[in-house]
Amino acid sequence: MIVRKNDRVVVLGITGKQGTFWTEKMIAYGTNVVGGVNPKRGGETHVGVPIFATAAEAVAKTGGDVAVMFIPPPMAKEAAVSAAQAGIKLLVVLTEHIPAQDVMAMHAAAAKHGTRIVGPNTAGLVTPGECFVGIMPAFVPSVFRAGRVGVISRSGSLGTLVCLNLTRAGIGQSAFIGIGGDPMLGTTTRDALEALDKDSCTDAIVIVGEIGGAMEEDAAAYAKAMSKPRVAFIAGAAAPPGKKMGHAGAIVTGNAGSYVSKRKALEAAGVTVVDTPSQIAAAVAAGLQPGRSRLAASQ
């Protein structure tokens, strides 16, 4: 789920306003966009990229292995299932407000065909200095900087803030993984944590979590055995119990999914949990102190 400049990206919904804008940004940044899909405009070229009538045709003719969706909710299921059937290995689902039954069908198709879904309701993936897939401001040098700290976030805006603070502190990022804010995600915090733990370009990891669900607690179970420095911030400390806040998945019932529950689990696993996003950079720098020279060398 860490995108690389050699990945061959297909854009579903490339000719729409958002698809056009962000495809141009991705290409300018270095993302290898090899094709787009629009059933009504197959055979045309748009922003210098060939358009195909179906995902299957796009994959067959370009070898695309990553796809990103700029598709409205009513058509999201069909687009995602078609991409999985076509052989796409990584599907970034930006769309939010997809009906629950459609999300379930998307995940079932992905499981059947070996496709990794990131999202729904994700802001995307960034490998600073290399490429990005989605709607994150990878091209803004004050926000993203190449380095060796991986960032995981359910929220695109919070993830952007954390990367901004890290960059201001002179700490670059190896990868940003926006897992999304949907209640039924294709990639969990734990999945992303495992990917960054195994990534040789990542020396430390930041987890930006939220109240609701059990993803941070599940990630904590894996984090116990990790040697890389881990820092976390959990949004929603002041949220009232039983009240839905922010993302669709951010709802707390009793103690399950609460701020206290998540913080305790992460701290018990040896993760440094900070109170505010502004404290993350200092905590990361402290955790990296023994390997500081290697971090500096990467920048």
C-alpha atoms as a PDB file:
ATOM      1  CA  MET A   1       0.000   0.000   0.000  1.00  0.00           C
ATOM      2  CA  ILE A   2       3.065   2.268  -0.161  1.00  0.00           C
ATOM      3  CA  VAL A   3       2.924   3.724  -3.675  1.00  0.00           C
ATOM      4  CA  ARG A   4       6.068   3.955  -5.790  1.00  0.00           C
ATOM      5  CA  LYS A   5       6.952   5.956  -8.888  1.00  0.00           C
ATOM      6  CA  ASN A   6       7.019   2.797 -11.010  1.00  0.00           C
ATOM      7  CA  ASP A   7       3.451   1.818 -10.083  1.00  0.00           C
ATOM      8  CA  ARG A   8       1.147   2.153 -13.088  1.00  0.00           C
ATOM      9  CA  VAL A   9      -1.879   4.195 -12.078  1.00  0.00           C
ATOM     10  CA  VAL A  10      -5.307   4.172 -13.734  1.00  0.00           C
ATOM     11  CA  VAL A  11      -7.727   6.990 -12.886  1.00  0.00           C
ATOM     12  CA  LEU A  12     -11.405   6.065 -12.758  1.00  0.00           C
ATOM     13  CA  GLY A  13     -13.493   9.163 -13.507  1.00  0.00           C
ATOM     14  CA  ILE A  14     -10.543  11.021 -15.003  1.00  0.00           C
ATOM     15  CA  THR A  15     -12.579  13.470 -17.129  1.00  0.00           C
ATOM     16  CA  GLY A  16     -14.599  15.034 -14.297  1.00  0.00           C
ATOM     17  CA  LYS A  17     -13.600  18.326 -12.689  1.00  0.00           C
ATOM     18  CA  GLN A  18     -11.878  16.727  -9.685  1.00  0.00           C
ATOM     19  CA  GLY A  19     -10.467  13.848 -11.690  1.00  0.00           C
ATOM     20  CA  THR A  20      -8.912  16.274 -14.160  1.00  0.00           C
ATOM     21  CA  PHE A  21      -7.470  18.602 -11.524  1.00  0.00           C
ATOM     22  CA  TRP A  22      -5.900  15.899  -9.388  1.00  0.00           C
ATOM     23  CA  THR A  23      -4.660  13.819 -12.324  1.00  0.00           C
ATOM     24  CA  GLU A  24      -2.714  16.837 -13.556  1.00  0.00           C
ATOM     25  CA  LYS A  25      -1.274  17.326 -10.060  1.00  0.00           C
ATOM     26  CA  MET A  26      -0.331  13.641  -9.769  1.00  0.00           C
ATOM     27  CA  ILE A  27       1.384  13.598 -13.149  1.00  0.00           C
ATOM     28  CA  ALA A  28       3.280  16.822 -12.439  1.00  0.00           C
ATOM     29  CA  TYR A  29       4.521  15.377  -9.149  1.00  0.00           C
ATOM     30  CA  GLY A  30       5.848  12.219 -10.788  1.00  0.00           C
ATOM     31  CA  THR A  31       3.015   9.708 -10.462  1.00  0.00           C
ATOM     32  CA  ASN A  32       3.022   7.239 -13.352  1.00  0.00           C
ATOM     33  CA  VAL A  33      -0.552   7.731 -14.590  1.00  0.00           C
ATOM     34  CA  VAL A  34      -0.937   5.401 -17.568  1.00  0.00           C
ATOM     35  CA  GLY A  35      -4.635   5.693 -18.355  1.00  0.00           C
ATOM     36  CA  GLY A  36      -8.111   6.793 -17.387  1.00  0.00           C
ATOM     37  CA  VAL A  37     -11.566   5.259 -17.558  1.00  0.00           C
ATOM     38  CA  ASN A  38     -14.778   6.818 -18.850  1.00  0.00           C
ATOM     39  CA  PRO A  39     -17.313   4.517 -20.580  1.00  0.00           C
ATOM     40  CA  LYS A  40     -18.501   7.341 -22.859  1.00  0.00           C
ATOM     41  CA  ARG A  41     -15.077   8.607 -23.942  1.00  0.00           C
ATOM     42  CA  GLY A  42     -13.040   5.511 -24.696  1.00  0.00           C
ATOM     43  CA  GLY A  43     -10.446   6.105 -27.399  1.00  0.00           C
ATOM     44  CA  GLU A  44      -9.937   9.758 -26.513  1.00  0.00           C
ATOM     45  CA  THR A  45      -6.993  11.405 -24.786  1.00  0.00           C
ATOM     46  CA  HIS A  46      -7.394  13.624 -21.744  1.00  0.00           C
ATOM     47  CA  VAL A  47      -4.621  15.619 -19.978  1.00  0.00           C
ATOM     48  CA  GLY A  48      -2.197  13.650 -22.128  1.00  0.00           C
ATOM     49  CA  VAL A  49      -3.501  10.288 -20.927  1.00  0.00           C
ATOM     50  CA  PRO A  50      -5.375   7.675 -22.992  1.00  0.00           C
ATOM     51  CA  ILE A  51      -8.974   7.009 -21.957  1.00  0.00           C
ATOM     52  CA  PHE A  52     -10.505   3.546 -22.018  1.00  0.00           C
ATOM     53  CA  ALA A  53     -14.141   2.496 -21.901  1.00  0.00           C
ATOM     54  CA  THR A  54     -13.594  -0.075 -19.152  1.00  0.00           C
ATOM     55  CA  ALA A  55     -11.145  -0.847 -16.368  1.00  0.00           C
ATOM     56  CA  ALA A  56     -10.474  -4.220 -17.971  1.00  0.00           C
ATOM     57  CA  GLU A  57      -9.390  -2.560 -21.216  1.00  0.00           C
ATOM     58  CA  ALA A  58      -7.231  -0.047 -19.342  1.00  0.00           C
ATOM     59  CA  VAL A  59      -5.422  -2.783 -17.414  1.00  0.00           C
ATOM     60  CA  ALA A  60      -4.996  -4.998 -20.471  1.00  0.00           C
ATOM     61  CA  LYS A  61      -3.472  -2.201 -22.573  1.00  0.00           C
ATOM     62  CA  THR A  62      -1.414  -0.344 -19.966  1.00  0.00           C
ATOM     63  CA  GLY A  63      -0.537  -2.958 -17.360  1.00  0.00           C
ATOM     64  CA  GLY A  64      -2.108  -0.759 -14.682  1.00  0.00           C
ATOM     65  CA  ASP A  65      -1.822  -2.167 -11.175  1.00  0.00           C
ATOM     66  CA  VAL A  66      -3.060   0.780  -9.066  1.00  0.00           C
ATOM     67  CA  ALA A  67      -6.356   2.620  -9.516  1.00  0.00           C
ATOM     68  CA  VAL A  68      -7.849   5.702  -7.894  1.00  0.00           C
ATOM     69  CA  MET A  69     -11.574   6.508  -7.971  1.00  0.00           C
ATOM     70  CA  PHE A  70     -13.085   9.933  -8.660  1.00  0.00           C
ATOM     71  CA  ILE A  71     -16.528   8.372  -8.820  1.00  0.00           C
ATOM     72  CA  PRO A  72     -19.838   9.543  -7.240  1.00  0.00           C
ATOM     73  CA  PRO A  73     -21.383   7.294  -4.528  1.00  0.00           C
ATOM     74  CA  PRO A  74     -24.175   5.763  -6.675  1.00  0.00           C
ATOM     75  CA  MET A  75     -21.630   4.439  -9.198  1.00  0.00           C
ATOM     76  CA  ALA A  76     -18.816   3.591  -6.798  1.00  0.00           C
ATOM     77  CA  LYS A  77     -19.671  -0.084  -6.330  1.00  0.00           C
ATOM     78  CA  GLU A  78     -19.712  -0.832 -10.050  1.00  0.00           C
ATOM     79  CA  ALA A  79     -16.423   0.999 -10.596  1.00  0.00           C
ATOM     80  CA  ALA A  80     -14.676  -0.714  -7.683  1.00  0.00           C
ATOM     81  CA  VAL A  81     -15.916  -4.197  -8.566  1.00  0.00           C
ATOM     82  CA  SER A  82     -14.890  -3.699 -12.197  1.00  0.00           C
ATOM     83  CA  ALA A  83     -11.411  -2.599 -11.135  1.00  0.00           C
ATOM     84  CA  ALA A  84     -10.998  -5.657  -8.918  1.00  0.00           C
ATOM     85  CA  GLN A  85     -12.201  -7.960 -11.686  1.00  0.00           C
ATOM     86  CA  ALA A  86      -9.744  -6.305 -14.080  1.00  0.00           C
ATOM     87  CA  GLY A  87      -6.807  -7.260 -11.860  1.00  0.00           C
ATOM     88  CA  ILE A  88      -6.044  -3.968 -10.100  1.00  0.00           C
ATOM     89  CA  LYS A  89      -3.906  -4.792  -7.048  1.00  0.00           C
ATOM     90  CA  LEU A  90      -4.347  -1.536  -5.115  1.00  0.00           C
ATOM     91  CA  LEU A  91      -7.566   0.490  -5.300  1.00  0.00           C
ATOM     92  CA  VAL A  92      -7.720   3.913  -3.645  1.00  0.00           C
ATOM     93  CA  VAL A  93     -11.370   4.763  -2.948  1.00  0.00           C
ATOM     94  CA  LEU A  94     -11.690   8.502  -2.342  1.00  0.00           C
ATOM     95  CA  THR A  95     -15.493   8.474  -2.466  1.00  0.00           C
ATOM     96  CA  GLU A  96     -17.457   8.991   0.747  1.00  0.00           C
ATOM     97  CA  HIS A  97     -21.150   8.361   1.531  1.00  0.00           C
ATOM     98  CA  ILE A  98     -21.172   5.065  -0.374  1.00  0.00           C
ATOM     99  CA  PRO A  99     -24.178   2.958   0.776  1.00  0.00           C
ATOM    100  CA  ALA A 100     -23.134   0.308   3.298  1.00  0.00           C
ATOM    101  CA  GLN A 101     -24.356  -2.594   1.181  1.00  0.00           C
ATOM    102  CA  ASP A 102     -22.304  -1.301  -1.746  1.00  0.00           C
ATOM    103  CA  VAL A 103     -19.175  -1.060   0.414  1.00  0.00           C
ATOM    104  CA  MET A 104     -19.702  -4.664   1.500  1.00  0.00           C
ATOM    105  CA  ALA A 105     -19.958  -5.735  -2.148  1.00  0.00           C
ATOM    106  CA  MET A 106     -16.763  -3.831  -2.970  1.00  0.00           C
ATOM    107  CA  HIS A 107     -14.841  -5.550  -0.177  1.00  0.00           C
ATOM    108  CA  ALA A 108     -16.179  -8.966  -1.204  1.00  0.00           C
ATOM    109  CA  ALA A 109     -15.021  -8.427  -4.793  1.00  0.00           C
ATOM    110  CA  ALA A 110     -11.634  -7.193  -3.590  1.00  0.00           C
ATOM    111  CA  ALA A 111     -11.164 -10.280  -1.422  1.00  0.00           C
ATOM    112  CA  LYS A 112     -12.137 -12.562  -4.288  1.00  0.00           C
ATOM    113  CA  HIS A 113      -9.747 -11.008  -6.799  1.00  0.00           C
ATOM    114  CA  GLY A 114      -6.810 -10.175  -4.524  1.00  0.00           C
ATOM    115  CA  THR A 115      -7.254  -6.398  -4.534  1.00  0.00           C
ATOM    116  CA  ARG A 116      -6.182  -4.197  -1.621  1.00  0.00           C
ATOM    117  CA  ILE A 117      -8.676  -1.376  -1.019  1.00  0.00           C
ATOM    118  CA  VAL A 118      -7.560   1.808   0.727  1.00  0.00           C
ATOM    119  CA  GLY A 119     -10.696   3.632   1.904  1.00  0.00           C
ATOM    120  CA  PRO A 120     -13.506   4.380   1.286  1.00  0.00           C
ATOM    121  CA  ASN A 121     -13.422   8.065   2.231  1.00  0.00           C
ATOM    122  CA  THR A 122      -9.644   8.297   2.093  1.00  0.00           C
ATOM    123  CA  ALA A 123      -7.560  11.289   1.049  1.00  0.00           C
ATOM    124  CA  GLY A 124      -5.055   8.916  -0.533  1.00  0.00           C
ATOM    125  CA  LEU A 125      -1.411   7.879  -0.376  1.00  0.00           C
ATOM    126  CA  VAL A 126       1.801   9.894  -0.614  1.00  0.00           C
ATOM    127  CA  THR A 127       5.416   8.884  -1.009  1.00  0.00           C
ATOM    128  CA  PRO A 128       7.100  12.299  -0.635  1.00  0.00           C
ATOM    129  CA  GLY A 129       9.520  13.183  -3.399  1.00  0.00           C
ATOM    130  CA  GLU A 130       8.304  10.273  -5.493  1.00  0.00           C
ATOM    131  CA  CYS A 131       4.567  10.110  -6.216  1.00  0.00           C
ATOM    132  CA  PHE A 132       1.088  10.385  -4.761  1.00  0.00           C
ATOM    133  CA  VAL A 133      -2.350   8.928  -5.467  1.00  0.00           C
ATOM    134  CA  GLY A 134      -5.414  10.834  -4.287  1.00  0.00           C
ATOM    135  CA  ILE A 135      -6.138  14.361  -3.079  1.00  0.00           C
ATOM    136  CA  MET A 136      -3.327  15.080  -0.624  1.00  0.00           C
ATOM    137  CA  PRO A 137      -1.132  18.211  -1.151  1.00  0.00           C
ATOM    138  CA  ALA A 138       2.011  16.199  -1.811  1.00  0.00           C
ATOM    139  CA  PHE A 139       3.258  18.939  -4.132  1.00  0.00           C
ATOM    140  CA  VAL A 140       3.386  21.576  -1.361  1.00  0.00           C
ATOM    141  CA  PRO A 141       6.994  21.532  -0.080  1.00  0.00           C
ATOM    142  CA  SER A 142       6.073  23.135   3.241  1.00  0.00           C
ATOM    143  CA  VAL A 143       3.782  20.156   3.992  1.00  0.00           C
ATOM    144  CA  PHE A 144       5.557  17.087   2.619  1.00  0.00           C
ATOM    145  CA  ARG A 145       9.282  16.407   2.611  1.00  0.00           C
ATOM    146  CA  ALA A 146      11.076  13.177   1.757  1.00  0.00           C
ATOM    147  CA  GLY A 147      12.481  11.419   4.810  1.00  0.00           C
ATOM    148  CA  ARG A 148      12.106   8.316   6.943  1.00  0.00           C
ATOM    149  CA  VAL A 149       9.004   8.743   9.119  1.00  0.00           C
ATOM    150  CA  GLY A 150       5.795   6.991   8.089  1.00  0.00           C
ATOM    151  CA  VAL A 151       2.438   8.595   8.912  1.00  0.00           C
ATOM    152  CA  ILE A 152      -0.886   6.758   9.232  1.00  0.00           C
ATOM    153  CA  SER A 153      -4.128   8.712   9.517  1.00  0.00           C
ATOM    154  CA  ARG A 154      -7.868   8.162   9.284  1.00  0.00           C
ATOM    155  CA  SER A 155      -8.247  11.892   8.596  1.00  0.00           C
ATOM    156  CA  GLY A 156      -6.712  13.590   5.578  1.00  0.00           C
ATOM    157  CA  SER A 157      -6.768  17.018   7.226  1.00  0.00           C
ATOM    158  CA  LEU A 158      -5.182  15.804  10.457  1.00  0.00           C
ATOM    159  CA  GLY A 159      -2.647  13.832   8.475  1.00  0.00           C
ATOM    160  CA  THR A 160      -1.766  16.962   6.515  1.00  0.00           C
ATOM    161  CA  LEU A 161      -1.320  18.916   9.750  1.00  0.00           C
ATOM    162  CA  VAL A 162       0.969  16.259  11.202  1.00  0.00           C
ATOM    163  CA  CYS A 163       3.138  16.156   8.065  1.00  0.00           C
ATOM    164  CA  LEU A 164       3.276  19.966   8.080  1.00  0.00           C
ATOM    165  CA  ASN A 165       4.497  19.968  11.689  1.00  0.00           C
ATOM    166  CA  LEU A 166       7.068  17.258  10.970  1.00  0.00           C
ATOM    167  CA  THR A 167       8.369  19.125   7.926  1.00  0.00           C
ATOM    168  CA  ARG A 168       8.632  22.374   9.880  1.00  0.00           C
ATOM    169  CA  ALA A 169      10.727  20.496  12.427  1.00  0.00           C
ATOM    170  CA  GLY A 170      13.041  19.248   9.671  1.00  0.00           C
ATOM    171  CA  ILE A 171      11.704  15.680   9.780  1.00  0.00           C
ATOM    172  CA  GLY A 172      10.782  14.163   6.419  1.00  0.00           C
ATOM    173  CA  GLN A 173       8.279  11.439   5.693  1.00  0.00           C
ATOM    174  CA  SER A 174       8.812   8.085   4.027  1.00  0.00           C
ATOM    175  CA  ALA A 175       5.120   7.568   3.306  1.00  0.00           C
ATOM    176  CA  PHE A 176       1.672   8.858   4.208  1.00  0.00           C
ATOM    177  CA  ILE A 177      -1.116   6.270   4.354  1.00  0.00           C
ATOM    178  CA  GLY A 178      -4.614   7.704   4.623  1.00  0.00           C
ATOM    179  CA  ILE A 179      -6.731   4.731   5.617  1.00  0.00           C
ATOM    180  CA  GLY A 180     -10.022   6.664   5.415  1.00  0.00           C
ATOM    181  CA  GLY A 181     -12.960   7.529   7.608  1.00  0.00           C
ATOM    182  CA  ASP A 182     -15.540   4.939   6.558  1.00  0.00           C
ATOM    183  CA  PRO A 183     -16.895   2.465   9.145  1.00  0.00           C
ATOM    184  CA  MET A 184     -15.925  -0.454   6.839  1.00  0.00           C
ATOM    185  CA  LEU A 185     -12.368   0.113   5.665  1.00  0.00           C
ATOM    186  CA  GLY A 186     -10.363  -2.045   3.322  1.00  0.00           C
ATOM    187  CA  THR A 187      -7.117  -1.161   5.109  1.00  0.00           C
ATOM    188  CA  THR A 188      -6.923  -0.783   8.881  1.00  0.00           C
ATOM    189  CA  THR A 189      -4.492   1.055  11.120  1.00  0.00           C
ATOM    190  CA  ARG A 190      -2.873  -2.279  11.924  1.00  0.00           C
ATOM    191  CA  ASP A 191      -2.501  -3.144   8.216  1.00  0.00           C
ATOM    192  CA  ALA A 192      -0.766   0.175   7.594  1.00  0.00           C
ATOM    193  CA  LEU A 193       1.398  -0.217  10.685  1.00  0.00           C
ATOM    194  CA  GLU A 194       2.598  -3.621   9.517  1.00  0.00           C
ATOM    195  CA  ALA A 195       3.415  -2.232   6.057  1.00  0.00           C
ATOM    196  CA  LEU A 196       5.507   0.600   7.489  1.00  0.00           C
ATOM    197  CA  ASP A 197       7.168  -1.704  10.010  1.00  0.00           C
ATOM    198  CA  LYS A 198       8.363  -3.893   7.130  1.00  0.00           C
ATOM    199  CA  ASP A 199       9.374  -0.921   4.964  1.00  0.00           C
ATOM    200  CA  SER A 200      13.153  -0.508   4.864  1.00  0.00           C
ATOM    201  CA  CYS A 201      12.744   3.217   4.090  1.00  0.00           C
ATOM    202  CA  THR A 202      10.861   3.892   7.339  1.00  0.00           C
ATOM    203  CA  ASP A 203      12.648   4.413  10.669  1.00  0.00           C
ATOM    204  CA  ALA A 204       9.745   5.647  12.807  1.00  0.00           C
ATOM    205  CA  ILE A 205       5.942   5.719  12.590  1.00  0.00           C
ATOM    206  CA  VAL A 206       3.248   8.208  13.568  1.00  0.00           C
ATOM    207  CA  ILE A 207      -0.320   6.982  14.136  1.00  0.00           C
ATOM    208  CA  VAL A 208      -3.082   9.580  13.927  1.00  0.00           C
ATOM    209  CA  GLY A 209      -6.177   7.912  15.331  1.00  0.00           C
ATOM    210  CA  GLU A 210      -9.703   8.855  16.313  1.00  0.00           C
ATOM    211  CA  ILE A 211     -12.255   7.716  18.848  1.00  0.00           C
ATOM    212  CA  GLY A 212     -14.632   4.994  17.713  1.00  0.00           C
ATOM    213  CA  GLY A 213     -14.030   1.427  16.601  1.00  0.00           C
ATOM    214  CA  ALA A 214     -11.148  -0.753  17.746  1.00  0.00           C
ATOM    215  CA  MET A 215      -8.507  -0.137  15.077  1.00  0.00           C
ATOM    216  CA  GLU A 216      -6.046   1.582  17.389  1.00  0.00           C
ATOM    217  CA  GLU A 217      -6.398  -1.173  19.990  1.00  0.00           C
ATOM    218  CA  ASP A 218      -5.803  -3.789  17.273  1.00  0.00           C
ATOM    219  CA  ALA A 219      -2.765  -1.848  16.081  1.00  0.00           C
ATOM    220  CA  ALA A 220      -1.453  -1.732  19.653  1.00  0.00           C
ATOM    221  CA  ALA A 221      -1.434  -5.537  19.775  1.00  0.00           C
ATOM    222  CA  TYR A 222       0.948  -5.559  16.807  1.00  0.00           C
ATOM    223  CA  ALA A 223       2.962  -2.579  18.045  1.00  0.00           C
ATOM    224  CA  LYS A 224       4.082  -4.479  21.154  1.00  0.00           C
ATOM    225  CA  ALA A 225       6.616  -6.474  19.145  1.00  0.00           C
ATOM    226  CA  MET A 226       7.954  -3.557  17.093  1.00  0.00           C
ATOM    227  CA  SER A 227      11.384  -2.020  17.522  1.00  0.00           C
ATOM    228  CA  LYS A 228      10.843   1.129  15.459  1.00  0.00           C
ATOM    229  CA  PRO A 229       9.859   4.252  17.452  1.00  0.00           C
ATOM    230  CA  ARG A 230       6.073   4.786  17.458  1.00  0.00           C
ATOM    231  CA  VAL A 231       4.225   7.988  18.303  1.00  0.00           C
ATOM    232  CA  ALA A 232       0.445   8.395  18.366  1.00  0.00           C
ATOM    233  CA  PHE A 233      -2.179  11.099  18.694  1.00  0.00           C
ATOM    234  CA  ILE A 234      -5.840  10.223  19.243  1.00  0.00           C
ATOM    235  CA  ALA A 235      -8.405  12.841  18.241  1.00  0.00           C
ATOM    236  CA  GLY A 236     -11.640  13.140  20.198  1.00  0.00           C
ATOM    237  CA  ALA A 237     -10.512  13.262  23.823  1.00  0.00           C
ATOM    238  CA  ALA A 238     -13.288  15.706  24.716  1.00  0.00           C
ATOM    239  CA  ALA A 239     -16.077  13.988  22.767  1.00  0.00           C
ATOM    240  CA  PRO A 240     -19.131  12.973  24.876  1.00  0.00           C
ATOM    241  CA  PRO A 241     -19.761   9.185  25.115  1.00  0.00           C
ATOM    242  CA  GLY A 242     -22.345   7.815  22.679  1.00  0.00           C
ATOM    243  CA  LYS A 243     -22.143  10.892  20.447  1.00  0.00           C
ATOM    244  CA  LYS A 244     -21.159  10.524  16.795  1.00  0.00           C
ATOM    245  CA  MET A 245     -18.305  12.914  16.048  1.00  0.00           C
ATOM    246  CA  GLY A 246     -16.574  13.608  12.745  1.00  0.00           C
ATOM    247  CA  HIS A 247     -16.104  10.514  10.594  1.00  0.00           C
ATOM    248  CA  ALA A 248     -18.868   7.989  10.175  1.00  0.00           C
ATOM    249  CA  GLY A 249     -16.839   5.455  12.134  1.00  0.00           C
ATOM    250  CA  ALA A 250     -16.174   7.736  15.092  1.00  0.00           C
ATOM    251  CA  ILE A 251     -18.821   6.676  17.579  1.00  0.00           C
ATOM    252  CA  VAL A 252     -18.181   5.445  21.085  1.00  0.00           C
ATOM    253  CA  THR A 253     -20.398   2.981  22.925  1.00  0.00           C
ATOM    254  CA  GLY A 254     -19.589   2.627  26.618  1.00  0.00           C
ATOM    255  CA  ASN A 255     -15.842   2.221  27.017  1.00  0.00           C
ATOM    256  CA  ALA A 256     -15.407   0.528  23.639  1.00  0.00           C
ATOM    257  CA  GLY A 257     -13.586   2.776  21.206  1.00  0.00           C
ATOM    258  CA  SER A 258     -13.086   5.510  23.773  1.00  0.00           C
ATOM    259  CA  TYR A 259     -10.124   7.837  23.974  1.00  0.00           C
ATOM    260  CA  VAL A 260      -9.059   6.314  27.295  1.00  0.00           C
ATOM    261  CA  SER A 261      -9.264   2.771  25.931  1.00  0.00           C
ATOM    262  CA  LYS A 262      -7.160   3.585  22.882  1.00  0.00           C
ATOM    263  CA  ARG A 263      -4.561   5.560  24.805  1.00  0.00           C
ATOM    264  CA  LYS A 264      -4.139   2.838  27.437  1.00  0.00           C
ATOM    265  CA  ALA A 265      -3.750   0.131  24.799  1.00  0.00           C
ATOM    266  CA  LEU A 266      -1.162   2.080  22.835  1.00  0.00           C
ATOM    267  CA  GLU A 267       0.849   3.133  25.883  1.00  0.00           C
ATOM    268  CA  ALA A 268       0.832  -0.453  27.174  1.00  0.00           C
ATOM    269  CA  ALA A 269       2.365  -1.459  23.816  1.00  0.00           C
ATOM    270  CA  GLY A 270       5.206   1.027  24.255  1.00  0.00           C
ATOM    271  CA  VAL A 271       3.792   3.694  21.944  1.00  0.00           C
ATOM    272  CA  THR A 272       4.385   7.320  22.939  1.00  0.00           C
ATOM    273  CA  VAL A 273       0.959   9.007  22.987  1.00  0.00           C
ATOM    274  CA  VAL A 274       0.904  12.817  22.868  1.00  0.00           C
ATOM    275  CA  ASP A 275      -1.893  15.183  23.829  1.00  0.00           C
ATOM    276  CA  THR A 276      -1.828  17.452  20.774  1.00  0.00           C
ATOM    277  CA  PRO A 277      -0.593  17.228  17.161  1.00  0.00           C
ATOM    278  CA  SER A 278       1.945  19.982  17.877  1.00  0.00           C
ATOM    279  CA  GLN A 279       3.808  17.599  20.215  1.00  0.00           C
ATOM    280  CA  ILE A 280       4.313  14.871  17.607  1.00  0.00           C
ATOM    281  CA  ALA A 281       7.488  16.196  15.966  1.00  0.00           C
ATOM    282  CA  ALA A 282       9.349  16.516  19.273  1.00  0.00           C
ATOM    283  CA  ALA A 283       8.272  13.021  20.316  1.00  0.00           C
ATOM    284  CA  VAL A 284       9.430  11.588  16.980  1.00  0.00           C
ATOM    285  CA  ALA A 285      12.781  13.387  17.229  1.00  0.00           C
ATOM    286  CA  ALA A 286      13.274  12.011  20.741  1.00  0.00           C
ATOM    287  CA  GLY A 287      12.464   8.485  19.609  1.00  0.00           C
ATOM    288  CA  LEU A 288      14.868   8.732  16.689  1.00  0.00           C
ATOM    289  CA  GLN A 289      17.734  10.155  18.733  1.00  0.00           C
ATOM    290  CA  PRO A 290      19.888   6.977  18.610  1.00  0.00           C
ATOM    291  CA  GLY A 291      19.510   6.883  14.800  1.00  0.00           C
ATOM    292  CA  ARG A 292      19.503  10.619  14.249  1.00  0.00           C
ATOM    293  CA  SER A 293      22.440  10.576  11.853  1.00  0.00           C
ATOM    294  CA  ARG A 294      20.686   8.154   9.514  1.00  0.00           C
ATOM    295  CA  LEU A 295      17.539  10.313   9.491  1.00  0.00           C
ATOM    296  CA  ALA A 296      19.543  13.446   8.721  1.00  0.00           C
ATOM    297  CA  ALA A 297      21.425  11.678   5.964  1.00  0.00           C
ATOM    298  CA  SER A 298      18.140  10.874   4.204  1.00  0.00           C
ATOM    299  CA  GLN A 299      17.223  14.538   4.059  1.00  0.00           C
END
